[in-house]
C-alpha cells in the first residue's frame, strides 16, 4: 500500500512513533483517526508523494507506535502530548516547519499542535471534525446516540476494554461501517491492518485513554486556551453524508477558531466520515491545491 516508502521507528523523547516516509518536495505530515492507523492514507500516498515529502505516522497508542501507560489523569494521551510527538518526529527528520493534513483524532492532535507550536505549521487541513470542546458542549440526544463511542470509551478502565475484548473485530467493523458508506469503501489490505491492531489489548487500552483524555485533560487545556487561535492557512473538509454536516456549520465553527477567519476555506465532500477512503479523488483534488499554496 506504500510502495517506495521507507518504514521508520523514531524516538520522540516521550515514546516511539512508527511512520512511513516517501516522496520529494515540501514536507507533509499525515495523521489518522480512530479506529485506524497511518494506513488510512494509502489511497492518496503515491499521488501526494509526487509533490511532497510525505510522512504518514501512527499516533502514539495506535498502529505500530508505542503504547505508553496513560497515567493520571490520562495525560500521556492528551492531545498536547500527542502533538509534541509529531513536532519532535518531524524535527528528527529535519523538518522544523511542515504542512499537515489530519483526520478525526489526528485532526484533534493537529488542532492542539497549531495552538502549541504555531511556528511549526505552514498549512493545516482538518478532515471531518469540529473542535473537541465545541462538540461536547453541543451534545444532545441525537449527537450522543450517533457518537456513543465518545462516552463509552471514556468510561473508567477496564470496562470498555473488557467489552471490546469480547469481539474486537465486530466492534471495529461496526464503527467503520456505521460512520461511512459501508465496509466496501475499505481496501481489504487496509481493513486487515485495522483488524490486526484492534486485536492487541494494548491498542484498545490506548484508544480508550485517548478518549478519556479528551473528556478530561484535553478539555482543561481547551478551556485554558479558549482565546487562542490558529494562525496558519486552514482548510476544513467534511463528509456531506456524515454527522458533522448534519449537526454543525463546520466551516464557520473553524472560522471562529482562527485569528484571521478569511484564511479558512472549507467544503463538503461526497462521503461519510472516512473521506480519504470513501472519496479519494475528491479528497485529493481538495487537498493538493491548498497544500501547494505559498
Protein backbone atom coordinates (compact mmCIF):
# COMPACT_ATOMS: atom_id res chain seq x y z
CA UNK A 1 0.00 0.00 0.00
CA UNK A 2 3.00 2.31 0.42
CA UNK A 3 5.30 1.16 -2.37
CA UNK A 4 8.58 3.06 -2.35
CA UNK A 5 8.08 4.37 1.19
CA UNK A 6 10.64 3.73 3.93
CA UNK A 7 9.48 2.49 7.33
CA UNK A 8 10.92 4.21 10.40
CA UNK A 9 10.51 3.96 14.18
CA UNK A 10 11.71 7.15 15.83
CA UNK A 11 12.16 8.10 19.47
CA UNK A 12 10.35 11.36 20.20
CA UNK A 13 11.52 11.65 23.78
CA UNK A 14 8.25 10.51 25.29
CA UNK A 15 7.52 7.47 23.14
CA UNK A 16 8.39 5.77 19.85
CA UNK A 17 6.47 6.68 16.70
CA UNK A 18 6.08 4.44 13.66
CA UNK A 19 5.95 6.21 10.30
CA UNK A 20 6.15 5.69 6.55
CA UNK A 21 8.21 8.23 4.61
CA UNK A 22 8.34 8.76 0.86
CA UNK A 23 8.40 11.25 -1.97
CA UNK A 24 10.13 14.55 -2.51
CA UNK A 25 9.22 18.17 -2.06
CA UNK A 26 7.87 20.23 0.84
CA UNK A 27 7.32 18.13 3.99
CA UNK A 28 3.75 16.95 4.60
CA UNK A 29 2.70 15.12 7.77
CA UNK A 30 -0.40 12.91 7.56
CA UNK A 31 -2.30 11.86 10.70
CA UNK A 32 -5.10 9.34 11.05
CA UNK A 33 -8.10 8.87 13.30
CA UNK A 34 -9.93 6.24 15.34
CA UNK A 35 -10.06 3.26 14.92
CA UNK A 36 -7.41 3.34 12.21
CA UNK A 37 -3.69 3.97 11.63
CA UNK A 38 -1.50 5.71 9.04
CA UNK A 39 -2.75 3.05 6.59
CA UNK A 40 -5.92 5.11 6.02
CA UNK A 41 -3.84 7.43 3.81
CA UNK A 42 -2.88 4.66 1.37
CA UNK A 43 -5.29 5.77 -1.41
CA UNK A 44 -3.54 9.17 -1.62
CA UNK A 45 0.01 8.32 -0.58
CA UNK A 46 1.53 7.79 -4.03
CA UNK A 47 -0.09 10.87 -5.54
CA UNK A 48 0.93 13.08 -2.62
CA UNK A 49 4.48 11.70 -2.74
CA UNK A 50 4.80 13.07 -6.29
CA UNK A 51 4.52 16.57 -4.83
CA UNK A 52 5.60 16.34 -1.19
CA UNK A 53 7.91 14.52 1.18
CA UNK A 54 5.15 12.55 2.86
CA UNK A 55 5.37 11.38 6.48
CA UNK A 56 2.41 9.16 7.39
CA UNK A 57 2.60 8.47 11.12
CA UNK A 58 0.79 6.33 13.66
CA UNK A 59 -0.31 8.35 16.68
CA UNK A 60 1.01 7.08 20.00
CA UNK A 61 -1.13 4.13 21.06
CA UNK A 62 -2.27 3.35 17.53
CA UNK A 63 -0.97 1.10 14.77
CA UNK A 64 2.66 0.18 15.36
CA UNK A 65 3.61 3.17 17.51
CA UNK A 66 4.44 2.56 21.16
CA UNK A 67 1.64 2.41 23.70
CA UNK A 68 2.75 4.12 26.91
CA UNK A 69 0.65 3.99 30.09
CA UNK A 70 -1.94 6.75 30.25
CA UNK A 71 -1.08 7.88 33.77
CA UNK A 72 -3.21 10.25 35.82
CA UNK A 73 -5.23 12.00 34.50
CA UNK A 74 -4.70 10.23 31.15
CA UNK A 75 -2.07 12.87 30.40
CA UNK A 76 0.05 10.60 28.18
CA UNK A 77 -2.83 10.64 25.67
CA UNK A 78 -3.63 14.33 25.92
CA UNK A 79 -3.54 15.94 22.51
CA UNK A 80 -0.76 18.18 23.82
CA UNK A 81 1.49 15.15 24.35
CA UNK A 82 0.50 13.62 21.03
CA UNK A 83 1.14 16.91 19.22
CA UNK A 84 4.58 17.15 20.84
CA UNK A 85 5.34 13.67 19.47
CA UNK A 86 4.68 14.87 15.95
CA UNK A 87 6.69 18.08 16.20
CA UNK A 88 9.64 16.07 17.51
CA UNK A 89 9.15 13.40 14.85
CA UNK A 90 9.32 15.96 12.08
CA UNK A 91 12.27 17.77 13.68
CA UNK A 92 14.16 14.47 13.90
CA UNK A 93 13.57 14.04 10.17
CA UNK A 94 14.96 17.53 9.56
CA UNK A 95 11.69 19.43 9.19
CA UNK A 96 11.26 22.39 11.54
CA UNK A 97 8.21 23.53 9.53
CA UNK A 98 5.77 21.41 7.59
CA UNK A 99 2.31 21.08 6.14
CA UNK A 100 -0.19 18.91 8.00
CA UNK A 101 -3.34 17.06 6.91
CA UNK A 102 -5.20 15.12 9.57
CA UNK A 103 -8.42 13.17 10.02
CA UNK A 104 -10.59 12.58 13.11
CA UNK A 105 -8.44 12.01 16.26
CA UNK A 106 -5.38 13.05 14.30
CA UNK A 107 -7.14 16.29 13.44
CA UNK A 108 -7.66 16.92 17.16
CA UNK A 109 -3.94 16.41 17.65
CA UNK A 110 -3.35 18.78 14.74
CA UNK A 111 -5.59 21.47 16.27
CA UNK A 112 -3.61 21.32 19.50
CA UNK A 113 -0.33 21.34 17.53
CA UNK A 114 -1.46 24.53 15.76
CA UNK A 115 -2.06 26.21 19.13
CA UNK A 116 1.03 24.95 20.95
CA UNK A 117 3.52 25.04 18.05
CA UNK A 118 2.30 27.72 15.62
CA UNK A 119 5.76 28.25 14.14
CA UNK A 120 5.90 24.60 13.01
CA UNK A 121 2.99 24.81 10.56
CA UNK A 122 2.89 26.25 7.06
CA UNK A 123 -0.62 24.98 6.26
CA UNK A 124 -3.20 22.85 8.02
CA UNK A 125 -6.05 20.68 6.68
CA UNK A 126 -8.55 19.18 9.14
CA UNK A 127 -10.86 16.38 8.00
CA UNK A 128 -14.34 15.81 9.40
CA UNK A 129 -14.17 17.28 12.88
CA UNK A 130 -15.24 20.28 14.89
CA UNK A 131 -13.23 21.28 18.00
CA UNK A 132 -13.48 18.90 20.94
CA UNK A 133 -14.98 21.42 23.36
CA UNK A 134 -17.45 22.57 20.71
CA UNK A 135 -18.69 19.01 20.23
CA UNK A 136 -19.04 18.25 23.94
CA UNK A 137 -20.90 21.49 24.59
CA UNK A 138 -23.27 20.91 21.66
CA UNK A 139 -24.10 17.31 22.55
CA UNK A 140 -27.79 16.50 22.53
CA UNK A 141 -29.56 13.15 22.35
CA UNK A 142 -29.12 12.78 18.58
CA UNK A 143 -25.41 13.52 18.68
CA UNK A 144 -24.85 11.33 21.74
CA UNK A 145 -26.60 8.39 20.08
CA UNK A 146 -24.52 8.79 16.91
CA UNK A 147 -21.23 9.36 18.76
CA UNK A 148 -21.83 6.99 21.65
CA UNK A 149 -18.19 5.87 21.49
CA UNK A 150 -17.08 9.24 22.88
CA UNK A 151 -18.85 8.38 26.12
CA UNK A 152 -18.35 4.60 26.09
CA UNK A 153 -14.60 4.65 25.51
CA UNK A 154 -14.13 7.38 28.13
CA UNK A 155 -15.56 5.21 30.90
CA UNK A 156 -13.10 4.10 33.61
CA UNK A 157 -10.83 1.16 32.83
CA UNK A 158 -11.24 -1.69 32.34
CA UNK A 159 -14.93 -1.55 31.45
CA UNK A 160 -14.75 -0.54 27.75
CA UNK A 161 -11.57 -2.56 27.21
CA UNK A 162 -13.26 -5.66 28.59
CA UNK A 163 -16.37 -5.21 26.47
CA UNK A 164 -14.39 -4.69 23.25
CA UNK A 165 -12.14 -7.67 24.03
CA UNK A 166 -15.17 -9.94 23.66
CA UNK A 167 -15.49 -9.13 19.95
CA UNK A 168 -12.79 -6.67 18.80
CA UNK A 169 -13.23 -7.22 15.06
CA UNK A 170 -17.01 -6.93 15.29
CA UNK A 171 -16.61 -3.67 17.22
CA UNK A 172 -14.15 -2.30 14.67
CA UNK A 173 -16.35 -3.22 11.73
CA UNK A 174 -19.38 -1.65 13.36
CA UNK A 175 -17.53 1.65 13.73
CA UNK A 176 -16.03 1.63 10.24
CA UNK A 177 -19.24 0.59 8.56
CA UNK A 178 -21.56 2.72 10.65
CA UNK A 179 -19.95 6.11 10.16
CA UNK A 180 -19.27 5.88 6.47
CA UNK A 181 -20.84 4.43 3.38
CA UNK A 182 -20.14 0.82 4.40
CA UNK A 183 -17.23 -1.58 4.70
CA UNK A 184 -16.89 -1.87 0.92
CA UNK A 185 -15.12 1.51 0.98
CA UNK A 186 -12.11 -0.03 2.72
CA UNK A 187 -9.45 -1.93 0.78
CA UNK A 188 -9.08 -5.50 2.08
CA UNK A 189 -5.42 -4.94 2.95
CA UNK A 190 -6.26 -1.78 4.92
CA UNK A 191 -9.14 -3.47 6.73
CA UNK A 192 -6.82 -6.34 7.65
CA UNK A 193 -4.37 -3.86 9.19
CA UNK A 194 -7.11 -2.23 11.27
CA UNK A 195 -8.28 -5.67 12.40
CA UNK A 196 -4.74 -6.70 13.34
CA UNK A 197 -4.29 -3.63 15.51
CA UNK A 198 -7.61 -3.84 17.34
CA UNK A 199 -6.86 -7.41 18.45
CA UNK A 200 -3.98 -6.08 20.57
CA UNK A 201 -5.31 -5.24 24.06
CA UNK A 202 -2.66 -2.53 24.40
CA UNK A 203 -4.05 -0.76 21.34
CA UNK A 204 -7.60 -0.92 22.65
CA UNK A 205 -6.49 0.44 26.03
CA UNK A 206 -4.61 3.28 24.30
CA UNK A 207 -7.67 4.15 22.22
CA UNK A 208 -9.74 4.34 25.40
CA UNK A 209 -7.08 6.52 27.03
CA UNK A 210 -7.26 8.84 24.01
CA UNK A 211 -10.99 9.34 24.64
CA UNK A 212 -10.56 9.56 28.42
CA UNK A 213 -8.02 12.33 27.87
CA UNK A 214 -10.45 14.11 25.54
CA UNK A 215 -13.07 14.22 28.30
CA UNK A 216 -10.64 15.41 30.99
CA UNK A 217 -7.18 16.85 30.35
CA UNK A 218 -7.89 17.97 26.80
CA UNK A 219 -10.95 19.92 27.93
CA UNK A 220 -8.88 21.57 30.66
CA UNK A 221 -6.32 22.63 28.06
CA UNK A 222 -9.02 23.84 25.67
CA UNK A 223 -10.73 25.90 28.36
CA UNK A 224 -7.43 27.43 29.42
CA UNK A 225 -6.68 28.30 25.77
CA UNK A 226 -10.19 29.41 24.86
CA UNK A 227 -8.83 32.67 23.46
CA UNK A 228 -6.01 31.05 21.47
CA UNK A 229 -6.43 30.93 17.70
CA UNK A 230 -5.00 29.04 14.71
CA UNK A 231 -2.75 31.31 12.64
CA UNK A 232 -1.75 29.40 9.51
CA UNK A 233 -3.97 28.94 6.43
CA UNK A 234 -6.64 26.36 7.24
CA UNK A 235 -8.70 24.03 5.05
CA UNK A 236 -11.58 22.07 6.57
CA UNK A 237 -13.23 19.17 4.75
CA UNK A 238 -16.16 17.07 5.88
CA UNK A 239 -18.50 14.41 4.55
CA UNK A 240 -21.85 15.56 3.24
CA UNK A 241 -23.37 12.28 4.45
CA UNK A 242 -21.78 12.49 7.89
CA UNK A 243 -22.64 13.66 11.37
CA UNK A 244 -20.60 16.87 11.25
CA UNK A 245 -22.56 18.04 8.21
CA UNK A 246 -25.88 17.37 9.92
CA UNK A 247 -25.07 18.99 13.25
CA UNK A 248 -22.67 21.86 12.57
CA UNK A 249 -21.76 24.66 10.22
CA UNK A 250 -18.28 23.16 10.03
CA UNK A 251 -16.52 25.96 8.18
CA UNK A 252 -18.00 28.68 10.37
CA UNK A 253 -17.09 26.71 13.50
CA UNK A 254 -13.45 26.76 12.43
CA UNK A 255 -13.51 30.40 11.35
CA UNK A 256 -14.37 31.19 14.96
CA UNK A 257 -11.17 29.39 16.00
CA UNK A 258 -8.90 31.26 13.58
CA UNK A 259 -7.08 34.54 14.09
CA UNK A 260 -7.99 35.56 10.53
CA UNK A 261 -11.29 33.92 9.52
CA UNK A 262 -10.80 34.87 5.87
CA UNK A 263 -7.87 32.41 5.75
CA UNK A 264 -10.22 29.48 6.42
CA UNK A 265 -11.69 27.60 3.46
CA UNK A 266 -13.91 24.54 3.52
CA UNK A 267 -16.03 22.12 1.55
CA UNK A 268 -18.30 19.12 1.99
CA UNK A 269 -17.22 16.06 0.01
CA UNK A 270 -19.37 13.17 -1.29
CA UNK A 271 -18.62 10.83 1.61
CA UNK A 272 -19.48 9.89 5.14
CA UNK A 273 -16.83 10.19 7.85
CA UNK A 274 -13.92 8.40 6.14
CA UNK A 275 -13.22 10.92 3.37
CA UNK A 276 -9.86 9.56 2.23
CA UNK A 277 -11.10 6.02 1.66
CA UNK A 278 -14.67 6.81 0.60
CA UNK A 279 -13.89 9.69 -1.77
CA UNK A 280 -10.14 9.60 -2.53
CA UNK A 281 -10.32 11.54 -5.81
CA UNK A 282 -12.39 14.35 -4.32
CA UNK A 283 -10.21 14.49 -1.21
CA UNK A 284 -7.02 14.65 -3.25
CA UNK A 285 -8.48 17.34 -5.52
CA UNK A 286 -9.31 19.46 -2.48
CA UNK A 287 -6.04 18.91 -0.62
CA UNK A 288 -3.39 19.36 -3.30
CA UNK A 289 -4.09 22.96 -4.40
CA UNK A 290 -4.40 24.08 -0.79
CA UNK A 291 -1.27 22.29 0.43
CA UNK A 292 0.70 23.61 -2.56
CA UNK A 293 -0.22 27.21 -1.77
CA UNK A 294 2.55 29.61 -0.93
